[in-house]
Amino acid sequence: MSAKYSIILVEDHKPTAKEFTDYFAQSPDFEIIAVLEGETLAWDLILRKPPSVLIVDLALADGDGLPLIRDVLSDKYLPFRPYTIAITAVPTKAVRDTVLKLGADCLFGKENPNFSPELIADHLDGKKDILPLGQVLA
């Protein structure tokens, strides 16, 4: 049986990346294609092996993640549009508006005490009611 979701995680904070990898490795519904620390490597891999879900941190060593989101969601060479989740430590209204304008599906705030891979997995599976305001924006 194949995974329900294939995921590319673009996250340069090693503890967060490990938490996501460890959690998703425990479920047959999730396949981590790769965990990448920056936008440059991510773009190349996304073109070669598009994920069903793209999770992008907005604070990376090589940029803010926004150009990657913009390029992925506007690219006409991908066979399908990945469900795109932005994650950030600073989920301001301006950040939210920018991310959603670029076409991302939602924004999760890392400062939320409930922020976790499980929260994102539940969001993907529709198990929890995601409010349109606060740390989780749809």
N, C-alpha and C. Protein backbone atom coordinates (compact mmCIF):
# COMPACT_ATOMS: atom_id res chain seq x y z
N MET A 1 0.85 -1.19 0.00
CA MET A 1 0.00 0.00 0.00
C MET A 1 0.88 1.24 0.00
N SER A 2 0.60 2.18 -0.90
CA SER A 2 1.42 3.38 -0.97
C SER A 2 0.88 4.44 -0.02
N ALA A 3 1.75 5.40 0.28
CA ALA A 3 1.39 6.46 1.21
C ALA A 3 0.33 7.36 0.59
N LYS A 4 -0.52 7.91 1.45
CA LYS A 4 -1.55 8.83 1.02
C LYS A 4 -0.94 10.18 0.64
N TYR A 5 0.11 10.58 1.36
CA TYR A 5 0.75 11.88 1.15
C TYR A 5 2.25 11.70 0.97
N SER A 6 2.80 12.29 -0.09
CA SER A 6 4.25 12.38 -0.24
C SER A 6 4.62 13.82 0.12
N ILE A 7 5.66 13.96 0.93
CA ILE A 7 5.97 15.27 1.51
C ILE A 7 7.41 15.67 1.24
N ILE A 8 7.58 16.92 0.85
CA ILE A 8 8.90 17.56 0.88
C ILE A 8 8.80 18.63 1.95
N LEU A 9 9.72 18.57 2.91
CA LEU A 9 9.79 19.54 4.00
C LEU A 9 11.01 20.41 3.77
N VAL A 10 10.80 21.72 3.71
CA VAL A 10 11.90 22.67 3.57
C VAL A 10 12.01 23.39 4.90
N GLU A 11 12.98 22.97 5.70
CA GLU A 11 13.13 23.43 7.09
C GLU A 11 14.60 23.32 7.48
N ASP A 12 15.21 24.43 7.88
CA ASP A 12 16.62 24.39 8.25
C ASP A 12 16.88 24.28 9.75
N HIS A 13 15.82 24.29 10.55
CA HIS A 13 15.97 24.10 11.99
C HIS A 13 15.95 22.60 12.26
N LYS A 14 17.12 22.06 12.57
CA LYS A 14 17.27 20.60 12.67
C LYS A 14 16.32 19.93 13.66
N PRO A 15 16.10 20.48 14.86
CA PRO A 15 15.15 19.83 15.78
C PRO A 15 13.72 19.74 15.21
N THR A 16 13.27 20.79 14.52
CA THR A 16 11.94 20.75 13.92
C THR A 16 11.90 19.73 12.80
N ALA A 17 12.93 19.73 11.96
CA ALA A 17 12.99 18.76 10.86
C ALA A 17 12.97 17.33 11.39
N LYS A 18 13.72 17.07 12.46
CA LYS A 18 13.76 15.72 13.04
C LYS A 18 12.40 15.34 13.63
N GLU A 19 11.76 16.28 14.29
CA GLU A 19 10.43 16.00 14.87
C GLU A 19 9.44 15.60 13.76
N PHE A 20 9.47 16.32 12.65
CA PHE A 20 8.57 16.00 11.54
C PHE A 20 8.92 14.64 10.93
N THR A 21 10.20 14.42 10.70
CA THR A 21 10.64 13.16 10.09
C THR A 21 10.26 11.97 10.98
N ASP A 22 10.54 12.08 12.26
CA ASP A 22 10.22 11.00 13.19
C ASP A 22 8.72 10.72 13.23
N TYR A 23 7.92 11.77 13.27
CA TYR A 23 6.47 11.58 13.34
C TYR A 23 5.94 10.93 12.07
N PHE A 24 6.30 11.49 10.92
CA PHE A 24 5.75 10.98 9.66
C PHE A 24 6.27 9.58 9.32
N ALA A 25 7.44 9.23 9.82
CA ALA A 25 7.98 7.88 9.56
C ALA A 25 7.15 6.80 10.25
N GLN A 26 6.39 7.18 11.27
CA GLN A 26 5.58 6.21 12.02
C GLN A 26 4.25 5.88 11.35
N SER A 27 3.89 6.62 10.32
CA SER A 27 2.57 6.42 9.70
C SER A 27 2.71 5.97 8.26
N PRO A 28 1.98 4.94 7.88
CA PRO A 28 2.01 4.51 6.47
C PRO A 28 1.33 5.52 5.54
N ASP A 29 0.61 6.49 6.10
CA ASP A 29 -0.06 7.50 5.27
C ASP A 29 0.90 8.57 4.74
N PHE A 30 2.10 8.63 5.31
CA PHE A 30 3.04 9.70 4.95
C PHE A 30 4.36 9.13 4.47
N GLU A 31 4.85 9.69 3.38
CA GLU A 31 6.18 9.36 2.88
C GLU A 31 6.95 10.67 2.77
N ILE A 32 8.05 10.78 3.51
CA ILE A 32 8.91 11.95 3.40
C ILE A 32 9.83 11.72 2.20
N ILE A 33 9.66 12.50 1.16
CA ILE A 33 10.54 12.42 0.00
C ILE A 33 11.90 12.97 0.38
N ALA A 34 11.89 14.12 1.06
CA ALA A 34 13.15 14.74 1.47
C ALA A 34 12.88 15.83 2.49
N VAL A 35 13.91 16.09 3.30
CA VAL A 35 13.95 17.24 4.18
C VAL A 35 15.13 18.06 3.69
N LEU A 36 14.85 19.28 3.26
CA LEU A 36 15.89 20.13 2.68
C LEU A 36 16.02 21.41 3.49
N GLU A 37 17.24 21.92 3.57
CA GLU A 37 17.50 23.10 4.40
C GLU A 37 17.32 24.41 3.67
N GLY A 38 17.11 24.38 2.36
CA GLY A 38 17.00 25.64 1.64
C GLY A 38 16.20 25.55 0.37
N GLU A 39 15.90 26.73 -0.16
CA GLU A 39 15.06 26.84 -1.35
C GLU A 39 15.72 26.28 -2.61
N THR A 40 17.02 26.49 -2.75
CA THR A 40 17.72 26.11 -3.97
C THR A 40 17.63 24.62 -4.23
N LEU A 41 17.95 23.81 -3.25
CA LEU A 41 17.87 22.36 -3.41
C LEU A 41 16.42 21.89 -3.56
N ALA A 42 15.53 22.57 -2.87
CA ALA A 42 14.12 22.16 -2.90
C ALA A 42 13.54 22.30 -4.30
N TRP A 43 13.81 23.40 -4.98
CA TRP A 43 13.22 23.64 -6.29
C TRP A 43 13.61 22.53 -7.26
N ASP A 44 14.88 22.16 -7.27
CA ASP A 44 15.35 21.11 -8.17
C ASP A 44 14.63 19.79 -7.90
N LEU A 45 14.51 19.42 -6.64
CA LEU A 45 13.85 18.16 -6.29
C LEU A 45 12.36 18.19 -6.61
N ILE A 46 11.72 19.31 -6.35
CA ILE A 46 10.28 19.43 -6.63
C ILE A 46 10.01 19.21 -8.11
N LEU A 47 10.88 19.73 -8.95
CA LEU A 47 10.70 19.53 -10.40
C LEU A 47 10.89 18.07 -10.79
N ARG A 48 11.81 17.38 -10.12
CA ARG A 48 12.08 15.97 -10.44
C ARG A 48 11.08 15.03 -9.82
N LYS A 49 10.64 15.33 -8.60
CA LYS A 49 9.74 14.43 -7.88
C LYS A 49 8.71 15.27 -7.11
N PRO A 50 7.70 15.77 -7.80
CA PRO A 50 6.73 16.64 -7.14
C PRO A 50 6.01 15.92 -5.98
N PRO A 51 5.94 16.58 -4.83
CA PRO A 51 5.23 15.99 -3.69
C PRO A 51 3.74 16.30 -3.75
N SER A 52 2.95 15.55 -3.04
CA SER A 52 1.54 15.92 -2.91
C SER A 52 1.40 17.04 -1.87
N VAL A 53 2.36 17.11 -0.93
CA VAL A 53 2.35 18.15 0.10
C VAL A 53 3.74 18.78 0.18
N LEU A 54 3.76 20.10 0.17
CA LEU A 54 5.00 20.86 0.34
C LEU A 54 4.87 21.68 1.61
N ILE A 55 5.80 21.49 2.54
CA ILE A 55 5.80 22.26 3.79
C ILE A 55 7.06 23.12 3.77
N VAL A 56 6.87 24.45 3.84
CA VAL A 56 7.99 25.38 3.70
C VAL A 56 8.05 26.32 4.89
N ASP A 57 9.21 26.34 5.54
CA ASP A 57 9.47 27.31 6.60
C ASP A 57 9.72 28.66 5.93
N LEU A 58 9.27 29.72 6.56
CA LEU A 58 9.45 31.05 5.98
C LEU A 58 10.71 31.75 6.50
N ALA A 59 11.54 31.06 7.24
CA ALA A 59 12.82 31.62 7.70
C ALA A 59 13.89 30.58 7.45
N LEU A 60 14.54 30.69 6.30
CA LEU A 60 15.57 29.73 5.91
C LEU A 60 16.91 30.44 5.79
N ALA A 61 17.98 29.68 5.86
CA ALA A 61 19.31 30.27 5.77
C ALA A 61 19.52 30.96 4.41
N ASP A 62 18.89 30.42 3.36
CA ASP A 62 19.11 30.99 2.02
C ASP A 62 17.92 31.79 1.50
N GLY A 63 17.01 32.18 2.38
CA GLY A 63 15.88 32.99 1.94
C GLY A 63 14.69 32.85 2.87
N ASP A 64 13.59 33.45 2.45
CA ASP A 64 12.41 33.45 3.32
C ASP A 64 11.33 32.45 2.92
N GLY A 65 11.59 31.62 1.93
CA GLY A 65 10.62 30.61 1.52
C GLY A 65 9.54 31.11 0.58
N LEU A 66 9.33 32.41 0.55
CA LEU A 66 8.27 32.96 -0.29
C LEU A 66 8.53 32.78 -1.79
N PRO A 67 9.76 33.00 -2.27
CA PRO A 67 10.00 32.75 -3.70
C PRO A 67 9.76 31.29 -4.09
N LEU A 68 10.10 30.38 -3.21
CA LEU A 68 9.87 28.96 -3.50
C LEU A 68 8.37 28.69 -3.63
N ILE A 69 7.60 29.19 -2.69
CA ILE A 69 6.14 29.01 -2.74
C ILE A 69 5.60 29.62 -4.03
N ARG A 70 6.01 30.83 -4.32
CA ARG A 70 5.54 31.51 -5.54
C ARG A 70 5.88 30.69 -6.79
N ASP A 71 7.12 30.26 -6.88
CA ASP A 71 7.55 29.53 -8.08
C ASP A 71 6.85 28.19 -8.22
N VAL A 72 6.73 27.46 -7.13
CA VAL A 72 6.07 26.15 -7.19
C VAL A 72 4.61 26.29 -7.61
N LEU A 73 3.93 27.26 -7.03
CA LEU A 73 2.50 27.39 -7.29
C LEU A 73 2.19 28.06 -8.63
N SER A 74 3.20 28.67 -9.24
CA SER A 74 2.97 29.27 -10.56
C SER A 74 3.62 28.45 -11.68
N ASP A 75 4.31 27.38 -11.33
CA ASP A 75 5.03 26.60 -12.33
C ASP A 75 4.07 25.78 -13.18
N LYS A 76 4.25 25.89 -14.47
CA LYS A 76 3.39 25.15 -15.39
C LYS A 76 4.00 23.82 -15.80
N TYR A 77 5.17 23.49 -15.26
CA TYR A 77 5.85 22.26 -15.62
C TYR A 77 5.55 21.12 -14.66
N LEU A 78 4.90 21.40 -13.55
CA LEU A 78 4.57 20.36 -12.60
C LEU A 78 3.30 19.64 -13.06
N PRO A 79 3.23 18.34 -12.86
CA PRO A 79 2.04 17.59 -13.30
C PRO A 79 0.80 17.89 -12.46
N PHE A 80 1.00 18.42 -11.24
CA PHE A 80 -0.12 18.80 -10.38
C PHE A 80 0.38 19.83 -9.38
N ARG A 81 -0.54 20.48 -8.74
CA ARG A 81 -0.22 21.51 -7.75
C ARG A 81 -0.13 20.88 -6.37
N PRO A 82 1.04 20.94 -5.71
CA PRO A 82 1.11 20.38 -4.37
C PRO A 82 0.32 21.22 -3.36
N TYR A 83 -0.29 20.54 -2.39
CA TYR A 83 -0.93 21.23 -1.27
C TYR A 83 0.21 21.89 -0.51
N THR A 84 0.17 23.20 -0.35
CA THR A 84 1.31 23.94 0.17
C THR A 84 1.00 24.55 1.53
N ILE A 85 1.86 24.20 2.49
CA ILE A 85 1.73 24.67 3.87
C ILE A 85 2.96 25.51 4.20
N ALA A 86 2.73 26.74 4.64
CA ALA A 86 3.82 27.59 5.13
C ALA A 86 3.85 27.48 6.65
N ILE A 87 5.06 27.46 7.20
CA ILE A 87 5.21 27.47 8.66
C ILE A 87 6.14 28.62 9.02
N THR A 88 5.85 29.29 10.12
CA THR A 88 6.63 30.45 10.52
C THR A 88 6.56 30.67 12.02
N ALA A 89 7.61 31.29 12.54
CA ALA A 89 7.61 31.66 13.96
C ALA A 89 6.89 32.99 14.17
N VAL A 90 6.63 33.72 13.09
CA VAL A 90 6.01 35.04 13.19
C VAL A 90 4.80 35.12 12.24
N PRO A 91 3.66 34.57 12.66
CA PRO A 91 2.48 34.56 11.78
C PRO A 91 1.67 35.85 11.85
N THR A 92 2.28 36.94 11.39
CA THR A 92 1.57 38.22 11.40
C THR A 92 0.53 38.27 10.30
N LYS A 93 -0.34 39.25 10.36
CA LYS A 93 -1.36 39.42 9.32
C LYS A 93 -0.68 39.67 7.98
N ALA A 94 0.38 40.45 7.95
CA ALA A 94 1.07 40.73 6.70
C ALA A 94 1.66 39.45 6.10
N VAL A 95 2.26 38.61 6.94
CA VAL A 95 2.81 37.34 6.47
C VAL A 95 1.68 36.46 5.95
N ARG A 96 0.61 36.35 6.72
CA ARG A 96 -0.54 35.55 6.30
C ARG A 96 -1.07 36.01 4.94
N ASP A 97 -1.26 37.32 4.81
CA ASP A 97 -1.80 37.85 3.56
C ASP A 97 -0.88 37.56 2.39
N THR A 98 0.42 37.71 2.59
CA THR A 98 1.40 37.45 1.53
C THR A 98 1.39 35.98 1.12
N VAL A 99 1.42 35.10 2.11
CA VAL A 99 1.45 33.66 1.84
C VAL A 99 0.20 33.21 1.10
N LEU A 100 -0.95 33.68 1.53
CA LEU A 100 -2.20 33.28 0.89
C LEU A 100 -2.32 33.89 -0.50
N LYS A 101 -1.82 35.12 -0.67
CA LYS A 101 -1.83 35.75 -2.00
C LYS A 101 -0.97 34.96 -2.98
N LEU A 102 0.12 34.39 -2.50
CA LEU A 102 0.98 33.58 -3.36
C LEU A 102 0.33 32.24 -3.73
N GLY A 103 -0.72 31.88 -3.01
CA GLY A 103 -1.44 30.66 -3.33
C GLY A 103 -1.26 29.51 -2.35
N ALA A 104 -0.51 29.74 -1.26
CA ALA A 104 -0.36 28.67 -0.26
C ALA A 104 -1.74 28.33 0.30
N ASP A 105 -1.88 27.08 0.72
CA ASP A 105 -3.17 26.62 1.23
C ASP A 105 -3.41 27.01 2.67
N CYS A 106 -2.34 27.10 3.46
CA CYS A 106 -2.51 27.49 4.85
C CYS A 106 -1.18 27.89 5.46
N LEU A 107 -1.27 28.50 6.62
CA LEU A 107 -0.11 28.96 7.38
C LEU A 107 -0.25 28.46 8.81
N PHE A 108 0.81 27.84 9.31
CA PHE A 108 0.85 27.39 10.70
C PHE A 108 1.91 28.20 11.44
N GLY A 109 1.56 28.70 12.62
CA GLY A 109 2.49 29.45 13.45
C GLY A 109 3.22 28.53 14.41
N LYS A 110 4.55 28.58 14.37
CA LYS A 110 5.36 27.72 15.25
C LYS A 110 5.23 28.11 16.72
N GLU A 111 4.82 29.34 16.98
CA GLU A 111 4.72 29.76 18.38
C GLU A 111 3.47 29.19 19.05
N ASN A 112 2.58 28.64 18.27
CA ASN A 112 1.38 28.00 18.81
C ASN A 112 1.83 26.80 19.65
N PRO A 113 1.40 26.72 20.92
CA PRO A 113 1.81 25.59 21.76
C PRO A 113 1.36 24.24 21.20
N ASN A 114 0.38 24.23 20.31
CA ASN A 114 -0.09 22.98 19.70
C ASN A 114 0.60 22.67 18.38
N PHE A 115 1.53 23.53 17.95
CA PHE A 115 2.22 23.30 16.68
C PHE A 115 3.01 22.00 16.76
N SER A 116 2.76 21.12 15.79
CA SER A 116 3.44 19.83 15.77
C SER A 116 3.17 19.16 14.42
N PRO A 117 3.94 18.14 14.10
CA PRO A 117 3.63 17.38 12.90
C PRO A 117 2.24 16.74 12.98
N GLU A 118 1.83 16.37 14.19
CA GLU A 118 0.50 15.76 14.37
C GLU A 118 -0.60 16.76 14.00
N LEU A 119 -0.42 18.03 14.37
CA LEU A 119 -1.40 19.05 14.02
C LEU A 119 -1.53 19.17 12.50
N ILE A 120 -0.40 19.15 11.81
CA ILE A 120 -0.42 19.24 10.35
C ILE A 120 -1.03 17.97 9.75
N ALA A 121 -0.68 16.81 10.28
CA ALA A 121 -1.26 15.56 9.78
C ALA A 121 -2.77 15.56 9.97
N ASP A 122 -3.23 16.01 11.13
CA ASP A 122 -4.67 16.07 11.38
C ASP A 122 -5.35 17.06 10.44
N HIS A 123 -4.68 18.16 10.16
CA HIS A 123 -5.22 19.13 9.21
C HIS A 123 -5.36 18.48 7.83
N LEU A 124 -4.35 17.78 7.41
CA LEU A 124 -4.38 17.12 6.10
C LEU A 124 -5.50 16.08 6.03
N ASP A 125 -5.71 15.39 7.11
CA ASP A 125 -6.76 14.36 7.14
C ASP A 125 -8.13 14.92 7.49
N GLY A 126 -8.20 16.22 7.78
CA GLY A 126 -9.48 16.84 8.10
C GLY A 126 -10.05 16.41 9.42
N LYS A 127 -9.17 15.95 10.35
CA LYS A 127 -9.65 15.44 11.63
C LYS A 127 -9.97 16.54 12.63
N LYS A 128 -9.38 17.71 12.45
CA LYS A 128 -9.61 18.79 13.40
C LYS A 128 -10.18 19.99 12.69
N ASP A 129 -10.97 20.73 13.41
CA ASP A 129 -11.55 21.95 12.88
C ASP A 129 -10.46 23.02 12.88
N ILE A 130 -10.09 23.50 11.72
CA ILE A 130 -9.06 24.52 11.61
C ILE A 130 -9.74 25.88 11.48
N LEU A 131 -9.49 26.74 12.43
CA LEU A 131 -10.13 28.06 12.43
C LEU A 131 -9.44 28.97 11.42
N PRO A 132 -10.18 29.88 10.79
CA PRO A 132 -9.57 30.77 9.80
C PRO A 132 -8.75 31.89 10.43
N LEU A 133 -8.72 31.99 11.74
CA LEU A 133 -7.91 33.01 12.41
C LEU A 133 -6.99 32.35 13.42
N GLY A 134 -5.97 33.06 13.85
CA GLY A 134 -5.05 32.51 14.83
C GLY A 134 -3.84 31.87 14.18
N GLN A 135 -3.31 30.83 14.79
CA GLN A 135 -2.08 30.23 14.32
C GLN A 135 -2.26 29.38 13.07
N VAL A 136 -3.45 28.88 12.83
CA VAL A 136 -3.68 28.02 11.69
C VAL A 136 -4.68 28.73 10.78
N LEU A 137 -4.23 29.05 9.60
CA LEU A 137 -5.06 29.79 8.67
C LEU A 137 -5.31 28.98 7.43
N ALA A 138 -6.53 28.89 7.01
CA ALA A 138 -6.85 28.13 5.78
C ALA A 138 -7.35 29.07 4.72
